[in-house]
Amino acid sequence: MKKIIKNAFLLFLPVILGSVVGFIISGSIDYTSLNRPPLAPPKIFFPIAWTIIYILMGISYFILKRHDKVDDKMRLIYYVQLGINLLWSIIFFTLKWRFIAILWIVVLDLIVSIMISLFYEKKKISAYLNIFYLLWILFATYLTIGIYILN
């Protein structure tokens, strides 16, 4: 039973934390009132995309843990990128520090790239499961820069 709970924790931690942050920022989200760059998706698209990304992220890390492939560096990068990811929403929506959000998401882009590279060295499938994540945050970088410029 203890192992099942630990595995569930690893799998769903990103979804749980993402949901908590979503709840915290829900009253601050001003996305629809902002001038947005071309290709900006409707607001409803974001929770769907992030839920999928967080599930894939949890699965990728779980696979590595299950096969004893996680070392200290990989663990640190995984949890640091998750923390940076979660704090971006607070910086952008709650604090409304749009320029800082640009710098923050660029750091996230770099750390996720490093994470994927580390995952690839240990278990390729774990890296592949995070490709959509990287593509999404690169798109989010474009949106963040566009919103900053247009507002």
N, C-alpha and C. Protein backbone atom coordinates (compact mmCIF):
# COMPACT_ATOMS: atom_id res chain seq x y z
N MET A 1 0.83 -1.21 0.00
CA MET A 1 0.00 0.00 0.00
C MET A 1 0.86 1.26 0.00
N LYS A 2 1.94 1.24 0.78
CA LYS A 2 2.83 2.39 0.87
C LYS A 2 3.46 2.69 -0.49
N LYS A 3 3.83 1.64 -1.22
CA LYS A 3 4.43 1.80 -2.54
C LYS A 3 3.43 2.40 -3.52
N ILE A 4 2.18 2.00 -3.44
CA ILE A 4 1.14 2.53 -4.32
C ILE A 4 0.96 4.03 -4.07
N ILE A 5 0.95 4.43 -2.82
CA ILE A 5 0.79 5.84 -2.48
C ILE A 5 2.00 6.64 -2.98
N LYS A 6 3.21 6.10 -2.81
CA LYS A 6 4.42 6.77 -3.28
C LYS A 6 4.39 6.92 -4.80
N ASN A 7 3.98 5.86 -5.49
CA ASN A 7 3.90 5.91 -6.95
C ASN A 7 2.85 6.92 -7.42
N ALA A 8 1.70 6.92 -6.77
CA ALA A 8 0.64 7.88 -7.11
C ALA A 8 1.13 9.31 -6.88
N PHE A 9 1.87 9.50 -5.79
CA PHE A 9 2.43 10.82 -5.49
C PHE A 9 3.35 11.28 -6.62
N LEU A 10 4.26 10.40 -7.05
CA LEU A 10 5.17 10.75 -8.14
C LEU A 10 4.42 11.07 -9.42
N LEU A 11 3.42 10.26 -9.72
CA LEU A 11 2.66 10.45 -10.95
C LEU A 11 1.85 11.74 -10.96
N PHE A 12 1.22 12.05 -9.85
CA PHE A 12 0.25 13.14 -9.83
C PHE A 12 0.72 14.42 -9.16
N LEU A 13 1.94 14.45 -8.63
CA LEU A 13 2.42 15.66 -7.98
C LEU A 13 2.34 16.90 -8.89
N PRO A 14 2.79 16.82 -10.15
CA PRO A 14 2.66 18.02 -11.00
C PRO A 14 1.21 18.47 -11.19
N VAL A 15 0.29 17.52 -11.35
CA VAL A 15 -1.13 17.87 -11.53
C VAL A 15 -1.68 18.51 -10.26
N ILE A 16 -1.35 17.93 -9.11
CA ILE A 16 -1.83 18.46 -7.84
C ILE A 16 -1.30 19.88 -7.61
N LEU A 17 0.00 20.06 -7.78
CA LEU A 17 0.58 21.39 -7.57
C LEU A 17 0.07 22.41 -8.59
N GLY A 18 -0.07 21.96 -9.84
CA GLY A 18 -0.63 22.84 -10.87
C GLY A 18 -2.05 23.27 -10.53
N SER A 19 -2.83 22.35 -9.98
CA SER A 19 -4.21 22.67 -9.58
C SER A 19 -4.23 23.65 -8.42
N VAL A 20 -3.33 23.48 -7.47
CA VAL A 20 -3.25 24.40 -6.34
C VAL A 20 -2.92 25.81 -6.82
N VAL A 21 -1.91 25.92 -7.69
CA VAL A 21 -1.54 27.23 -8.23
C VAL A 21 -2.69 27.80 -9.05
N GLY A 22 -3.35 26.97 -9.83
CA GLY A 22 -4.51 27.43 -10.60
C GLY A 22 -5.58 28.02 -9.70
N PHE A 23 -5.82 27.38 -8.57
CA PHE A 23 -6.79 27.88 -7.61
C PHE A 23 -6.33 29.21 -7.02
N ILE A 24 -5.05 29.29 -6.67
CA ILE A 24 -4.50 30.52 -6.08
C ILE A 24 -4.62 31.71 -7.03
N ILE A 25 -4.33 31.49 -8.30
CA ILE A 25 -4.33 32.62 -9.26
C ILE A 25 -5.67 32.85 -9.93
N SER A 26 -6.66 31.99 -9.69
CA SER A 26 -7.92 32.05 -10.44
C SER A 26 -8.58 33.42 -10.42
N GLY A 27 -8.50 34.14 -9.32
CA GLY A 27 -9.10 35.46 -9.24
C GLY A 27 -8.28 36.56 -9.89
N SER A 28 -7.06 36.23 -10.29
CA SER A 28 -6.14 37.23 -10.85
C SER A 28 -5.96 37.11 -12.36
N ILE A 29 -6.51 36.08 -12.96
CA ILE A 29 -6.27 35.83 -14.38
C ILE A 29 -6.99 36.88 -15.21
N ASP A 30 -6.20 37.65 -15.95
CA ASP A 30 -6.74 38.74 -16.77
C ASP A 30 -6.47 38.49 -18.26
N TYR A 31 -6.25 37.26 -18.64
CA TYR A 31 -5.86 36.89 -20.00
C TYR A 31 -6.81 37.47 -21.05
N THR A 32 -8.11 37.36 -20.84
CA THR A 32 -9.07 37.81 -21.86
C THR A 32 -9.12 39.33 -22.00
N SER A 33 -8.67 40.06 -20.98
CA SER A 33 -8.68 41.52 -21.08
C SER A 33 -7.38 42.08 -21.66
N LEU A 34 -6.41 41.22 -21.89
CA LEU A 34 -5.12 41.67 -22.42
C LEU A 34 -5.13 41.69 -23.94
N ASN A 35 -4.34 42.58 -24.51
CA ASN A 35 -4.07 42.52 -25.95
C ASN A 35 -3.12 41.35 -26.14
N ARG A 36 -3.50 40.44 -27.04
CA ARG A 36 -2.72 39.22 -27.23
C ARG A 36 -2.15 39.16 -28.64
N PRO A 37 -1.01 38.51 -28.79
CA PRO A 37 -0.39 38.40 -30.12
C PRO A 37 -1.16 37.42 -31.00
N PRO A 38 -0.88 37.43 -32.29
CA PRO A 38 -1.51 36.45 -33.18
C PRO A 38 -1.23 35.02 -32.69
N LEU A 39 -2.15 34.13 -32.96
CA LEU A 39 -2.09 32.71 -32.59
C LEU A 39 -2.39 32.44 -31.12
N ALA A 40 -2.72 33.48 -30.35
CA ALA A 40 -3.06 33.26 -28.93
C ALA A 40 -4.33 32.43 -28.84
N PRO A 41 -4.27 31.30 -28.14
CA PRO A 41 -5.45 30.43 -28.04
C PRO A 41 -6.48 30.99 -27.06
N PRO A 42 -7.70 30.47 -27.12
CA PRO A 42 -8.71 30.89 -26.14
C PRO A 42 -8.31 30.42 -24.73
N LYS A 43 -8.83 31.10 -23.74
CA LYS A 43 -8.49 30.84 -22.34
C LYS A 43 -8.73 29.38 -21.94
N ILE A 44 -9.77 28.77 -22.45
CA ILE A 44 -10.14 27.39 -22.08
C ILE A 44 -9.07 26.38 -22.46
N PHE A 45 -8.25 26.72 -23.43
CA PHE A 45 -7.22 25.80 -23.92
C PHE A 45 -6.13 25.55 -22.88
N PHE A 46 -5.83 26.53 -22.05
CA PHE A 46 -4.71 26.44 -21.11
C PHE A 46 -4.86 25.34 -20.06
N PRO A 47 -5.98 25.25 -19.34
CA PRO A 47 -6.05 24.18 -18.34
C PRO A 47 -6.02 22.78 -18.97
N ILE A 48 -6.53 22.65 -20.17
CA ILE A 48 -6.49 21.36 -20.86
C ILE A 48 -5.04 21.00 -21.20
N ALA A 49 -4.33 21.94 -21.81
CA ALA A 49 -2.93 21.70 -22.19
C ALA A 49 -2.08 21.42 -20.96
N TRP A 50 -2.24 22.22 -19.90
CA TRP A 50 -1.41 22.03 -18.72
C TRP A 50 -1.71 20.72 -18.00
N THR A 51 -2.95 20.30 -17.99
CA THR A 51 -3.27 19.01 -17.37
C THR A 51 -2.56 17.88 -18.11
N ILE A 52 -2.61 17.91 -19.42
CA ILE A 52 -1.91 16.89 -20.23
C ILE A 52 -0.41 16.95 -19.96
N ILE A 53 0.15 18.14 -19.98
CA ILE A 53 1.60 18.30 -19.75
C ILE A 53 1.99 17.79 -18.37
N TYR A 54 1.24 18.15 -17.35
CA TYR A 54 1.57 17.71 -15.99
C TYR A 54 1.46 16.19 -15.84
N ILE A 55 0.48 15.60 -16.49
CA ILE A 55 0.36 14.14 -16.46
C ILE A 55 1.56 13.49 -17.13
N LEU A 56 1.94 13.99 -18.32
CA LEU A 56 3.10 13.44 -19.03
C LEU A 56 4.39 13.65 -18.23
N MET A 57 4.51 14.80 -17.58
CA MET A 57 5.67 15.08 -16.76
C MET A 57 5.77 14.07 -15.61
N GLY A 58 4.65 13.84 -14.94
CA GLY A 58 4.63 12.89 -13.84
C GLY A 58 4.96 11.48 -14.31
N ILE A 59 4.42 11.07 -15.44
CA ILE A 59 4.71 9.74 -15.99
C ILE A 59 6.19 9.62 -16.33
N SER A 60 6.75 10.66 -16.94
CA SER A 60 8.16 10.60 -17.34
C SER A 60 9.07 10.42 -16.13
N TYR A 61 8.80 11.15 -15.07
CA TYR A 61 9.64 11.03 -13.87
C TYR A 61 9.41 9.69 -13.18
N PHE A 62 8.16 9.25 -13.15
CA PHE A 62 7.83 7.96 -12.55
C PHE A 62 8.58 6.82 -13.25
N ILE A 63 8.65 6.87 -14.58
CA ILE A 63 9.37 5.83 -15.34
C ILE A 63 10.84 5.80 -14.91
N LEU A 64 11.43 6.96 -14.80
CA LEU A 64 12.83 7.02 -14.38
C LEU A 64 13.01 6.46 -12.97
N LYS A 65 12.14 6.84 -12.05
CA LYS A 65 12.22 6.35 -10.68
C LYS A 65 12.02 4.84 -10.63
N ARG A 66 11.06 4.36 -11.38
CA ARG A 66 10.74 2.92 -11.38
C ARG A 66 11.93 2.08 -11.86
N HIS A 67 12.73 2.65 -12.75
CA HIS A 67 13.88 1.94 -13.29
C HIS A 67 15.20 2.34 -12.61
N ASP A 68 15.08 3.00 -11.45
CA ASP A 68 16.25 3.44 -10.69
C ASP A 68 17.25 4.23 -11.53
N LYS A 69 16.74 5.15 -12.32
CA LYS A 69 17.58 5.96 -13.20
C LYS A 69 17.77 7.39 -12.70
N VAL A 70 17.14 7.75 -11.60
CA VAL A 70 17.19 9.13 -11.11
C VAL A 70 18.41 9.32 -10.20
N ASP A 71 19.24 10.29 -10.56
CA ASP A 71 20.35 10.65 -9.68
C ASP A 71 20.04 12.02 -9.05
N ASP A 72 20.93 12.49 -8.20
CA ASP A 72 20.68 13.75 -7.48
C ASP A 72 20.52 14.95 -8.42
N LYS A 73 21.35 15.01 -9.46
CA LYS A 73 21.29 16.13 -10.41
C LYS A 73 19.94 16.13 -11.14
N MET A 74 19.51 14.96 -11.57
CA MET A 74 18.24 14.84 -12.28
C MET A 74 17.06 15.21 -11.37
N ARG A 75 17.10 14.74 -10.14
CA ARG A 75 16.05 15.05 -9.17
C ARG A 75 15.97 16.56 -8.94
N LEU A 76 17.14 17.18 -8.77
CA LEU A 76 17.18 18.63 -8.55
C LEU A 76 16.61 19.39 -9.74
N ILE A 77 17.04 19.04 -10.93
CA ILE A 77 16.55 19.72 -12.15
C ILE A 77 15.04 19.54 -12.28
N TYR A 78 14.55 18.34 -12.04
CA TYR A 78 13.11 18.07 -12.17
C TYR A 78 12.30 18.95 -11.22
N TYR A 79 12.69 18.98 -9.96
CA TYR A 79 11.91 19.75 -8.99
C TYR A 79 12.12 21.26 -9.14
N VAL A 80 13.29 21.68 -9.55
CA VAL A 80 13.53 23.11 -9.80
C VAL A 80 12.67 23.58 -10.97
N GLN A 81 12.65 22.81 -12.07
CA GLN A 81 11.84 23.24 -13.21
C GLN A 81 10.36 23.26 -12.84
N LEU A 82 9.93 22.31 -12.02
CA LEU A 82 8.53 22.30 -11.60
C LEU A 82 8.22 23.55 -10.77
N GLY A 83 9.12 23.91 -9.87
CA GLY A 83 8.91 25.11 -9.06
C GLY A 83 8.91 26.38 -9.90
N ILE A 84 9.85 26.48 -10.83
CA ILE A 84 9.89 27.65 -11.72
C ILE A 84 8.62 27.72 -12.55
N ASN A 85 8.18 26.58 -13.04
CA ASN A 85 6.94 26.50 -13.82
C ASN A 85 5.77 27.04 -13.01
N LEU A 86 5.62 26.56 -11.80
CA LEU A 86 4.47 26.94 -10.98
C LEU A 86 4.52 28.42 -10.59
N LEU A 87 5.71 28.93 -10.32
CA LEU A 87 5.84 30.34 -9.93
C LEU A 87 5.59 31.31 -11.09
N TRP A 88 5.78 30.85 -12.32
CA TRP A 88 5.55 31.73 -13.47
C TRP A 88 4.13 32.28 -13.45
N SER A 89 3.16 31.43 -13.20
CA SER A 89 1.75 31.87 -13.20
C SER A 89 1.49 32.94 -12.15
N ILE A 90 2.12 32.79 -11.00
CA ILE A 90 1.95 33.79 -9.94
C ILE A 90 2.61 35.10 -10.35
N ILE A 91 3.80 35.02 -10.93
CA ILE A 91 4.50 36.23 -11.39
C ILE A 91 3.70 36.94 -12.47
N PHE A 92 3.19 36.18 -13.43
CA PHE A 92 2.50 36.77 -14.57
C PHE A 92 1.10 37.26 -14.21
N PHE A 93 0.31 36.42 -13.56
CA PHE A 93 -1.10 36.76 -13.33
C PHE A 93 -1.36 37.48 -12.01
N THR A 94 -0.81 36.98 -10.93
CA THR A 94 -1.11 37.59 -9.63
C THR A 94 -0.32 38.86 -9.41
N LEU A 95 1.00 38.79 -9.62
CA LEU A 95 1.84 39.96 -9.40
C LEU A 95 1.83 40.92 -10.59
N LYS A 96 1.50 40.39 -11.76
CA LYS A 96 1.44 41.16 -13.00
C LYS A 96 2.80 41.78 -13.36
N TRP A 97 3.86 41.04 -13.04
CA TRP A 97 5.21 41.45 -13.39
C TRP A 97 5.53 40.85 -14.75
N ARG A 98 5.02 41.45 -15.80
CA ARG A 98 5.10 40.87 -17.15
C ARG A 98 6.53 40.75 -17.65
N PHE A 99 7.37 41.77 -17.41
CA PHE A 99 8.74 41.68 -17.90
C PHE A 99 9.51 40.59 -17.14
N ILE A 100 9.34 40.54 -15.83
CA ILE A 100 9.99 39.49 -15.03
C ILE A 100 9.50 38.12 -15.49
N ALA A 101 8.24 38.04 -15.88
CA ALA A 101 7.69 36.77 -16.39
C ALA A 101 8.41 36.32 -17.66
N ILE A 102 8.82 37.27 -18.49
CA ILE A 102 9.59 36.92 -19.69
C ILE A 102 10.92 36.29 -19.28
N LEU A 103 11.63 36.93 -18.39
CA LEU A 103 12.92 36.40 -17.94
C LEU A 103 12.74 35.03 -17.28
N TRP A 104 11.67 34.92 -16.48
CA TRP A 104 11.39 33.69 -15.75
C TRP A 104 11.12 32.53 -16.71
N ILE A 105 10.33 32.78 -17.74
CA ILE A 105 9.99 31.69 -18.66
C ILE A 105 11.17 31.31 -19.55
N VAL A 106 12.05 32.26 -19.84
CA VAL A 106 13.26 31.92 -20.60
C VAL A 106 14.14 30.98 -19.76
N VAL A 107 14.23 31.25 -18.46
CA VAL A 107 14.96 30.34 -17.57
C VAL A 107 14.28 28.97 -17.57
N LEU A 108 12.96 28.96 -17.53
CA LEU A 108 12.22 27.69 -17.59
C LEU A 108 12.52 26.95 -18.88
N ASP A 109 12.53 27.66 -20.01
CA ASP A 109 12.85 27.03 -21.30
C ASP A 109 14.20 26.32 -21.23
N LEU A 110 15.18 26.99 -20.66
CA LEU A 110 16.53 26.43 -20.57
C LEU A 110 16.58 25.22 -19.64
N ILE A 111 15.95 25.34 -18.48
CA ILE A 111 15.99 24.24 -17.51
C ILE A 111 15.23 23.02 -18.02
N VAL A 112 14.11 23.24 -18.68
CA VAL A 112 13.37 22.10 -19.25
C VAL A 112 14.19 21.44 -20.35
N SER A 113 14.91 22.23 -21.14
CA SER A 113 15.79 21.65 -22.17
C SER A 113 16.87 20.78 -21.52
N ILE A 114 17.44 21.27 -20.45
CA ILE A 114 18.45 20.49 -19.71
C ILE A 114 17.82 19.22 -19.14
N MET A 115 16.63 19.36 -18.56
CA MET A 115 15.95 18.20 -18.00
C MET A 115 15.71 17.13 -19.07
N ILE A 116 15.23 17.55 -20.22
CA ILE A 116 14.97 16.60 -21.30
C ILE A 116 16.26 15.91 -21.73
N SER A 117 17.33 16.66 -21.80
CA SER A 117 18.63 16.09 -22.16
C SER A 117 19.07 15.04 -21.14
N LEU A 118 18.93 15.36 -19.86
CA LEU A 118 19.29 14.41 -18.80
C LEU A 118 18.40 13.17 -18.85
N PHE A 119 17.12 13.38 -19.06
CA PHE A 119 16.19 12.25 -19.15
C PHE A 119 16.55 11.37 -20.35
N TYR A 120 16.93 11.99 -21.46
CA TYR A 120 17.27 11.25 -22.67
C TYR A 120 18.46 10.32 -22.43
N GLU A 121 19.42 10.78 -21.66
CA GLU A 121 20.60 9.96 -21.35
C GLU A 121 20.24 8.70 -20.57
N LYS A 122 19.19 8.77 -19.76
CA LYS A 122 18.83 7.65 -18.88
C LYS A 122 17.71 6.78 -19.43
N LYS A 123 16.70 7.41 -20.01
CA LYS A 123 15.52 6.67 -20.50
C LYS A 123 14.85 7.54 -21.55
N LYS A 124 15.05 7.22 -22.81
CA LYS A 124 14.58 8.06 -23.92
C LYS A 124 13.09 8.39 -23.84
N ILE A 125 12.27 7.42 -23.48
CA ILE A 125 10.82 7.66 -23.42
C ILE A 125 10.49 8.79 -22.44
N SER A 126 11.24 8.88 -21.35
CA SER A 126 11.01 9.96 -20.38
C SER A 126 11.31 11.33 -20.99
N ALA A 127 12.29 11.38 -21.86
CA ALA A 127 12.59 12.63 -22.57
C ALA A 127 11.48 12.94 -23.57
N TYR A 128 11.09 11.94 -24.34
CA TYR A 128 10.06 12.15 -25.37
C TYR A 128 8.73 12.61 -24.77
N LEU A 129 8.41 12.14 -23.58
CA LEU A 129 7.16 12.53 -22.94
C LEU A 129 7.13 14.02 -22.57
N ASN A 130 8.29 14.67 -22.59
CA ASN A 130 8.36 16.09 -22.25
C ASN A 130 8.55 17.01 -23.45
N ILE A 131 8.53 16.47 -24.65
CA ILE A 131 8.68 17.29 -25.85
C ILE A 131 7.51 18.27 -25.99
N PHE A 132 6.28 17.80 -25.78
CA PHE A 132 5.12 18.69 -25.86
C PHE A 132 5.24 19.82 -24.82
N TYR A 133 5.74 19.49 -23.64
CA TYR A 133 5.98 20.48 -22.59
C TYR A 133 6.93 21.58 -23.09
N LEU A 134 8.06 21.17 -23.65
CA LEU A 134 9.02 22.15 -24.16
C LEU A 134 8.41 23.00 -25.26
N LEU A 135 7.73 22.37 -26.19
CA LEU A 135 7.09 23.13 -27.27
C LEU A 135 6.05 24.12 -26.72
N TRP A 136 5.29 23.66 -25.74
CA TRP A 136 4.26 24.52 -25.14
C TRP A 136 4.87 25.72 -24.44
N ILE A 137 5.95 25.52 -23.68
CA ILE A 137 6.52 26.66 -22.97
C ILE A 137 7.27 27.60 -23.93
N LEU A 138 7.78 27.07 -25.02
CA LEU A 138 8.35 27.96 -26.04
C LEU A 138 7.25 28.83 -26.65
N PHE A 139 6.08 28.22 -26.89
CA PHE A 139 4.93 28.99 -27.37
C PHE A 139 4.49 29.99 -26.30
N ALA A 140 4.49 29.56 -25.04
CA ALA A 140 4.13 30.45 -23.94
C ALA A 140 5.13 31.60 -23.82
N THR A 141 6.38 31.37 -24.17
CA THR A 141 7.38 32.44 -24.18
C THR A 141 7.00 33.48 -25.22
N TYR A 142 6.62 33.02 -26.40
CA TYR A 142 6.15 33.92 -27.45
C TYR A 142 4.93 34.73 -26.96
N LEU A 143 3.98 34.05 -26.33
CA LEU A 143 2.79 34.74 -25.83
C LEU A 143 3.15 35.77 -24.75
N THR A 144 4.04 35.39 -23.86
CA THR A 144 4.45 36.29 -22.78
C THR A 144 5.12 37.54 -23.33
N ILE A 145 6.01 37.36 -24.27
CA ILE A 145 6.69 38.51 -24.89
C ILE A 145 5.67 39.36 -25.64
N GLY A 146 4.79 38.70 -26.40
CA GLY A 146 3.77 39.43 -27.16
C GLY A 146 2.84 40.23 -26.26
N ILE A 147 2.41 39.63 -25.17
CA ILE A 147 1.51 40.33 -24.25
C ILE A 147 2.23 41.51 -23.60
N TYR A 148 3.48 41.31 -23.25
CA TYR A 148 4.25 42.42 -22.67
C TYR A 148 4.35 43.59 -23.66
N ILE A 149 4.68 43.30 -24.90
CA ILE A 149 4.84 44.34 -25.91
C ILE A 149 3.51 45.04 -26.20
N LEU A 150 2.45 44.27 -26.31
CA LEU A 150 1.15 44.83 -26.69
C LEU A 150 0.40 45.52 -25.55
N ASN A 151 0.87 45.33 -24.35
CA ASN A 151 0.17 45.93 -23.21
C ASN A 151 1.07 46.91 -22.47
